[in-house]
């Protein structure tokens, strides 16, 4: 069975210095405040970009048929952050990965806003046309539960953000404490782990 020191030597993720985790936490707190203080489910600077990805998703999926095109908007909002997350994941960059996950889960609030509007139809749609989620939920015969489904999606968004923050915090402190207890700090790799504990 490998020791903690052996695991740390081959572990592919870069360490997250405590100072950077605290800065990330402060930025996340500001972001959460912006979400809570904005129009529900729409943070102007971020969701304006998400809207572009939504429309791009419709455009990219239209060649796969009208059913796929209908789902393409929501898929577009989710695929672009997932591509970014995958890139950071392969590079072993946990902090960048966490930012990508936060972006992904923030999209859940915007999607929930759209789902909750399925029956009301109060949102102004880009270019007019059909309301994606009115059509989708009607097809599934669950249109009457639009606000309940939206609440579940919104809850998943908040849970996802909390899990990402917890995961990054665990990586920050577990890695630093494991390195210290394994005696890696002070080894030839000292510089890498000193950065982590600063």
C-alpha atoms as a PDB file:
ATOM      1  CA  UNK A   1       0.000   0.000   0.000  1.00  0.00           C
ATOM      2  CA  UNK A   2       1.435   3.378  -0.985  1.00  0.00           C
ATOM      3  CA  UNK A   3       2.280   5.974   1.622  1.00  0.00           C
ATOM      4  CA  UNK A   4       0.959   9.540   1.674  1.00  0.00           C
ATOM      5  CA  UNK A   5       4.381  10.739   0.536  1.00  0.00           C
ATOM      6  CA  UNK A   6       4.315   8.402  -2.495  1.00  0.00           C
ATOM      7  CA  UNK A   7       0.803   9.534  -3.370  1.00  0.00           C
ATOM      8  CA  UNK A   8       1.804  13.204  -3.101  1.00  0.00           C
ATOM      9  CA  UNK A   9       4.808  12.623  -5.367  1.00  0.00           C
ATOM     10  CA  UNK A  10       2.636  11.306  -8.205  1.00  0.00           C
ATOM     11  CA  UNK A  11      -0.640  13.186  -7.502  1.00  0.00           C
ATOM     12  CA  UNK A  12      -1.408  15.089 -10.727  1.00  0.00           C
ATOM     13  CA  UNK A  13      -3.252  18.122  -9.323  1.00  0.00           C
ATOM     14  CA  UNK A  14      -1.347  21.311  -8.633  1.00  0.00           C
ATOM     15  CA  UNK A  15      -1.545  22.492  -5.021  1.00  0.00           C
ATOM     16  CA  UNK A  16      -3.844  25.367  -4.088  1.00  0.00           C
ATOM     17  CA  UNK A  17      -2.171  27.866  -1.762  1.00  0.00           C
ATOM     18  CA  UNK A  18      -4.333  28.816   1.203  1.00  0.00           C
ATOM     19  CA  UNK A  19      -4.181  32.491   0.246  1.00  0.00           C
ATOM     20  CA  UNK A  20      -5.609  31.715  -3.179  1.00  0.00           C
ATOM     21  CA  UNK A  21      -8.369  29.610  -1.687  1.00  0.00           C
ATOM     22  CA  UNK A  22      -9.296  32.479   0.650  1.00  0.00           C
ATOM     23  CA  UNK A  23      -9.295  34.909  -2.305  1.00  0.00           C
ATOM     24  CA  UNK A  24     -11.492  32.459  -4.241  1.00  0.00           C
ATOM     25  CA  UNK A  25     -13.854  32.247  -1.242  1.00  0.00           C
ATOM     26  CA  UNK A  26     -14.090  36.048  -1.036  1.00  0.00           C
ATOM     27  CA  UNK A  27     -14.775  36.274  -4.769  1.00  0.00           C
ATOM     28  CA  UNK A  28     -17.397  33.548  -4.472  1.00  0.00           C
ATOM     29  CA  UNK A  29     -19.112  35.430  -1.625  1.00  0.00           C
ATOM     30  CA  UNK A  30     -19.291  38.566  -3.799  1.00  0.00           C
ATOM     31  CA  UNK A  31     -20.615  36.493  -6.692  1.00  0.00           C
ATOM     32  CA  UNK A  32     -23.305  34.912  -4.478  1.00  0.00           C
ATOM     33  CA  UNK A  33     -24.318  38.387  -3.290  1.00  0.00           C
ATOM     34  CA  UNK A  34     -24.634  39.464  -6.939  1.00  0.00           C
ATOM     35  CA  UNK A  35     -26.836  36.427  -7.654  1.00  0.00           C
ATOM     36  CA  UNK A  36     -29.064  37.147  -4.658  1.00  0.00           C
ATOM     37  CA  UNK A  37     -29.345  40.885  -5.350  1.00  0.00           C
ATOM     38  CA  UNK A  38     -29.937  40.622  -9.101  1.00  0.00           C
ATOM     39  CA  UNK A  39     -33.165  39.859 -10.857  1.00  0.00           C
ATOM     40  CA  UNK A  40     -33.729  36.224  -9.860  1.00  0.00           C
ATOM     41  CA  UNK A  41     -31.621  33.957 -12.031  1.00  0.00           C
ATOM     42  CA  UNK A  42     -29.964  36.649 -14.153  1.00  0.00           C
ATOM     43  CA  UNK A  43     -26.531  38.129 -13.370  1.00  0.00           C
ATOM     44  CA  UNK A  44     -26.143  40.683 -16.152  1.00  0.00           C
ATOM     45  CA  UNK A  45     -22.432  40.351 -16.969  1.00  0.00           C
ATOM     46  CA  UNK A  46     -22.377  36.541 -16.880  1.00  0.00           C
ATOM     47  CA  UNK A  47     -25.827  35.622 -18.122  1.00  0.00           C
ATOM     48  CA  UNK A  48     -25.551  37.932 -21.122  1.00  0.00           C
ATOM     49  CA  UNK A  49     -22.642  35.692 -22.201  1.00  0.00           C
ATOM     50  CA  UNK A  50     -24.630  32.583 -21.276  1.00  0.00           C
ATOM     51  CA  UNK A  51     -27.441  33.821 -23.528  1.00  0.00           C
ATOM     52  CA  UNK A  52     -25.002  33.899 -26.450  1.00  0.00           C
ATOM     53  CA  UNK A  53     -24.037  30.275 -25.707  1.00  0.00           C
ATOM     54  CA  UNK A  54     -27.729  29.393 -25.425  1.00  0.00           C
ATOM     55  CA  UNK A  55     -28.453  30.790 -28.878  1.00  0.00           C
ATOM     56  CA  UNK A  56     -25.287  29.188 -30.274  1.00  0.00           C
ATOM     57  CA  UNK A  57     -26.534  25.867 -28.919  1.00  0.00           C
ATOM     58  CA  UNK A  58     -29.793  26.250 -30.867  1.00  0.00           C
ATOM     59  CA  UNK A  59     -27.852  27.144 -33.997  1.00  0.00           C
ATOM     60  CA  UNK A  60     -25.423  24.209 -33.699  1.00  0.00           C
ATOM     61  CA  UNK A  61     -28.180  21.678 -32.988  1.00  0.00           C
ATOM     62  CA  UNK A  62     -30.612  22.789 -35.677  1.00  0.00           C
ATOM     63  CA  UNK A  63     -28.986  20.452 -38.183  1.00  0.00           C
ATOM     64  CA  UNK A  64     -29.802  17.487 -35.936  1.00  0.00           C
ATOM     65  CA  UNK A  65     -33.548  18.012 -36.193  1.00  0.00           C
ATOM     66  CA  UNK A  66     -36.189  20.185 -34.515  1.00  0.00           C
ATOM     67  CA  UNK A  67     -36.334  18.105 -31.314  1.00  0.00           C
ATOM     68  CA  UNK A  68     -32.599  18.363 -30.703  1.00  0.00           C
ATOM     69  CA  UNK A  69     -32.630  22.050 -31.654  1.00  0.00           C
ATOM     70  CA  UNK A  70     -35.225  22.665 -28.951  1.00  0.00           C
ATOM     71  CA  UNK A  71     -32.879  21.272 -26.280  1.00  0.00           C
ATOM     72  CA  UNK A  72     -29.828  22.837 -27.924  1.00  0.00           C
ATOM     73  CA  UNK A  73     -30.136  26.172 -26.138  1.00  0.00           C
ATOM     74  CA  UNK A  74     -29.921  24.695 -22.661  1.00  0.00           C
ATOM     75  CA  UNK A  75     -27.279  22.204 -23.801  1.00  0.00           C
ATOM     76  CA  UNK A  76     -25.227  25.086 -25.224  1.00  0.00           C
ATOM     77  CA  UNK A  77     -25.232  26.830 -21.869  1.00  0.00           C
ATOM     78  CA  UNK A  78     -23.890  23.678 -20.208  1.00  0.00           C
ATOM     79  CA  UNK A  79     -21.513  22.343 -22.861  1.00  0.00           C
ATOM     80  CA  UNK A  80     -19.272  25.396 -23.043  1.00  0.00           C
ATOM     81  CA  UNK A  81     -18.455  25.429 -19.295  1.00  0.00           C
ATOM     82  CA  UNK A  82     -17.972  21.632 -19.403  1.00  0.00           C
ATOM     83  CA  UNK A  83     -15.420  21.957 -22.216  1.00  0.00           C
ATOM     84  CA  UNK A  84     -13.530  24.523 -20.137  1.00  0.00           C
ATOM     85  CA  UNK A  85     -13.703  22.314 -17.037  1.00  0.00           C
ATOM     86  CA  UNK A  86     -12.405  19.338 -19.034  1.00  0.00           C
ATOM     87  CA  UNK A  87      -9.438  21.357 -20.254  1.00  0.00           C
ATOM     88  CA  UNK A  88      -8.507  22.513 -16.747  1.00  0.00           C
ATOM     89  CA  UNK A  89      -9.099  19.011 -15.348  1.00  0.00           C
ATOM     90  CA  UNK A  90      -6.601  17.487 -17.803  1.00  0.00           C
ATOM     91  CA  UNK A  91      -4.036  20.108 -16.801  1.00  0.00           C
ATOM     92  CA  UNK A  92      -4.541  19.404 -13.077  1.00  0.00           C
ATOM     93  CA  UNK A  93      -5.594  22.982 -12.239  1.00  0.00           C
ATOM     94  CA  UNK A  94      -8.066  22.705  -9.342  1.00  0.00           C
ATOM     95  CA  UNK A  95      -8.651  26.441  -8.844  1.00  0.00           C
ATOM     96  CA  UNK A  96      -9.404  27.038 -12.532  1.00  0.00           C
ATOM     97  CA  UNK A  97     -11.529  23.898 -12.556  1.00  0.00           C
ATOM     98  CA  UNK A  98     -13.529  25.207  -9.594  1.00  0.00           C
ATOM     99  CA  UNK A  99     -14.189  28.503 -11.388  1.00  0.00           C
ATOM    100  CA  UNK A 100     -15.478  26.518 -14.373  1.00  0.00           C
ATOM    101  CA  UNK A 101     -17.773  24.469 -12.131  1.00  0.00           C
ATOM    102  CA  UNK A 102     -19.124  27.651 -10.523  1.00  0.00           C
ATOM    103  CA  UNK A 103     -19.898  28.982 -14.009  1.00  0.00           C
ATOM    104  CA  UNK A 104     -21.665  25.719 -14.868  1.00  0.00           C
ATOM    105  CA  UNK A 105     -23.800  25.744 -11.713  1.00  0.00           C
ATOM    106  CA  UNK A 106     -24.599  29.457 -12.104  1.00  0.00           C
ATOM    107  CA  UNK A 107     -26.222  28.470 -15.395  1.00  0.00           C
ATOM    108  CA  UNK A 108     -28.683  26.389 -13.372  1.00  0.00           C
ATOM    109  CA  UNK A 109     -30.170  29.614 -11.942  1.00  0.00           C
ATOM    110  CA  UNK A 110     -30.696  31.026 -15.426  1.00  0.00           C
ATOM    111  CA  UNK A 111     -32.185  27.747 -16.665  1.00  0.00           C
ATOM    112  CA  UNK A 112     -34.471  27.617 -13.602  1.00  0.00           C
ATOM    113  CA  UNK A 113     -35.649  31.155 -14.385  1.00  0.00           C
ATOM    114  CA  UNK A 114     -36.576  30.049 -17.902  1.00  0.00           C
ATOM    115  CA  UNK A 115     -38.278  26.844 -16.686  1.00  0.00           C
ATOM    116  CA  UNK A 116     -40.310  28.763 -14.084  1.00  0.00           C
ATOM    117  CA  UNK A 117     -41.607  31.004 -16.883  1.00  0.00           C
ATOM    118  CA  UNK A 118     -42.886  28.058 -18.960  1.00  0.00           C
ATOM    119  CA  UNK A 119     -46.579  28.730 -18.292  1.00  0.00           C
ATOM    120  CA  UNK A 120     -46.427  32.458 -17.556  1.00  0.00           C
ATOM    121  CA  UNK A 121     -44.491  33.356 -20.709  1.00  0.00           C
ATOM    122  CA  UNK A 122     -43.503  36.689 -19.199  1.00  0.00           C
ATOM    123  CA  UNK A 123     -39.851  36.631 -20.260  1.00  0.00           C
ATOM    124  CA  UNK A 124     -38.917  38.496 -23.406  1.00  0.00           C
ATOM    125  CA  UNK A 125     -37.493  35.898 -25.791  1.00  0.00           C
ATOM    126  CA  UNK A 126     -34.594  36.642 -28.132  1.00  0.00           C
ATOM    127  CA  UNK A 127     -36.035  36.911 -31.618  1.00  0.00           C
ATOM    128  CA  UNK A 128     -39.505  35.893 -30.422  1.00  0.00           C
ATOM    129  CA  UNK A 129     -40.380  32.332 -31.393  1.00  0.00           C
ATOM    130  CA  UNK A 130     -41.434  29.469 -29.173  1.00  0.00           C
ATOM    131  CA  UNK A 131     -40.666  29.205 -25.478  1.00  0.00           C
ATOM    132  CA  UNK A 132     -38.231  26.260 -25.200  1.00  0.00           C
ATOM    133  CA  UNK A 133     -39.328  25.084 -21.790  1.00  0.00           C
ATOM    134  CA  UNK A 134     -43.038  25.547 -22.418  1.00  0.00           C
ATOM    135  CA  UNK A 135     -42.678  23.152 -25.344  1.00  0.00           C
ATOM    136  CA  UNK A 136     -40.362  20.738 -23.511  1.00  0.00           C
ATOM    137  CA  UNK A 137     -42.482  20.496 -20.364  1.00  0.00           C
ATOM    138  CA  UNK A 138     -45.676  20.199 -22.411  1.00  0.00           C
ATOM    139  CA  UNK A 139     -44.116  17.280 -24.300  1.00  0.00           C
ATOM    140  CA  UNK A 140     -43.238  15.625 -21.001  1.00  0.00           C
ATOM    141  CA  UNK A 141     -46.765  16.397 -19.714  1.00  0.00           C
ATOM    142  CA  UNK A 142     -45.353  18.194 -16.646  1.00  0.00           C
ATOM    143  CA  UNK A 143     -46.068  21.805 -17.605  1.00  0.00           C
ATOM    144  CA  UNK A 144     -48.165  22.276 -14.452  1.00  0.00           C
ATOM    145  CA  UNK A 145     -45.026  21.634 -12.367  1.00  0.00           C
ATOM    146  CA  UNK A 146     -42.824  24.257 -14.036  1.00  0.00           C
ATOM    147  CA  UNK A 147     -42.126  26.238 -10.855  1.00  0.00           C
ATOM    148  CA  UNK A 148     -41.460  23.074  -8.830  1.00  0.00           C
ATOM    149  CA  UNK A 149     -39.017  21.790 -11.443  1.00  0.00           C
ATOM    150  CA  UNK A 150     -37.384  25.226 -11.515  1.00  0.00           C
ATOM    151  CA  UNK A 151     -36.975  25.151  -7.720  1.00  0.00           C
ATOM    152  CA  UNK A 152     -35.247  21.746  -7.945  1.00  0.00           C
ATOM    153  CA  UNK A 153     -32.893  23.004 -10.673  1.00  0.00           C
ATOM    154  CA  UNK A 154     -32.127  26.117  -8.601  1.00  0.00           C
ATOM    155  CA  UNK A 155     -31.457  23.947  -5.530  1.00  0.00           C
ATOM    156  CA  UNK A 156     -29.079  21.787  -7.563  1.00  0.00           C
ATOM    157  CA  UNK A 157     -27.232  24.940  -8.594  1.00  0.00           C
ATOM    158  CA  UNK A 158     -26.751  26.051  -4.981  1.00  0.00           C
ATOM    159  CA  UNK A 159     -25.762  22.529  -3.904  1.00  0.00           C
ATOM    160  CA  UNK A 160     -23.268  22.312  -6.755  1.00  0.00           C
ATOM    161  CA  UNK A 161     -21.625  25.600  -5.794  1.00  0.00           C
ATOM    162  CA  UNK A 162     -21.367  24.484  -2.155  1.00  0.00           C
ATOM    163  CA  UNK A 163     -19.808  21.151  -3.187  1.00  0.00           C
ATOM    164  CA  UNK A 164     -17.262  22.877  -5.435  1.00  0.00           C
ATOM    165  CA  UNK A 165     -16.253  25.241  -2.620  1.00  0.00           C
ATOM    166  CA  UNK A 166     -15.965  22.307  -0.195  1.00  0.00           C
ATOM    167  CA  UNK A 167     -13.929  20.263  -2.686  1.00  0.00           C
ATOM    168  CA  UNK A 168     -11.473  23.104  -3.264  1.00  0.00           C
ATOM    169  CA  UNK A 169     -11.186  23.744   0.482  1.00  0.00           C
ATOM    170  CA  UNK A 170     -10.559  20.046   1.113  1.00  0.00           C
ATOM    171  CA  UNK A 171      -7.867  19.991  -1.585  1.00  0.00           C
ATOM    172  CA  UNK A 172      -6.223  23.070  -0.074  1.00  0.00           C
ATOM    173  CA  UNK A 173      -6.085  21.887   3.539  1.00  0.00           C
ATOM    174  CA  UNK A 174      -5.803  18.127   2.995  1.00  0.00           C
ATOM    175  CA  UNK A 175      -2.893  18.567   0.617  1.00  0.00           C
ATOM    176  CA  UNK A 176      -1.061  20.971   2.944  1.00  0.00           C
ATOM    177  CA  UNK A 177      -1.637  18.817   6.039  1.00  0.00           C
ATOM    178  CA  UNK A 178      -0.775  15.584   4.201  1.00  0.00           C
ATOM    179  CA  UNK A 179       2.446  17.105   2.892  1.00  0.00           C
ATOM    180  CA  UNK A 180       3.363  18.316   6.365  1.00  0.00           C
ATOM    181  CA  UNK A 181       2.589  14.994   8.091  1.00  0.00           C
ATOM    182  CA  UNK A 182       4.381  13.013   5.374  1.00  0.00           C
ATOM    183  CA  UNK A 183       7.464  15.177   5.805  1.00  0.00           C
ATOM    184  CA  UNK A 184       7.373  16.333   2.202  1.00  0.00           C
ATOM    185  CA  UNK A 185       7.846  19.935   3.297  1.00  0.00           C
ATOM    186  CA  UNK A 186      11.574  20.207   3.695  1.00  0.00           C
ATOM    187  CA  UNK A 187      12.247  17.594   0.979  1.00  0.00           C
ATOM    188  CA  UNK A 188      13.839  18.412  -2.424  1.00  0.00           C
ATOM    189  CA  UNK A 189      10.340  19.456  -3.558  1.00  0.00           C
ATOM    190  CA  UNK A 190      10.156  22.053  -0.776  1.00  0.00           C
ATOM    191  CA  UNK A 191       9.439  25.043  -3.023  1.00  0.00           C
ATOM    192  CA  UNK A 192       6.245  23.530  -4.425  1.00  0.00           C
ATOM    193  CA  UNK A 193       4.807  22.769  -0.998  1.00  0.00           C
ATOM    194  CA  UNK A 194       5.929  26.025   0.604  1.00  0.00           C
ATOM    195  CA  UNK A 195       3.772  27.829  -1.986  1.00  0.00           C
ATOM    196  CA  UNK A 196       0.865  25.679  -0.944  1.00  0.00           C
ATOM    197  CA  UNK A 197       1.080  26.560   2.746  1.00  0.00           C
ATOM    198  CA  UNK A 198       1.516  30.300   2.251  1.00  0.00           C
END
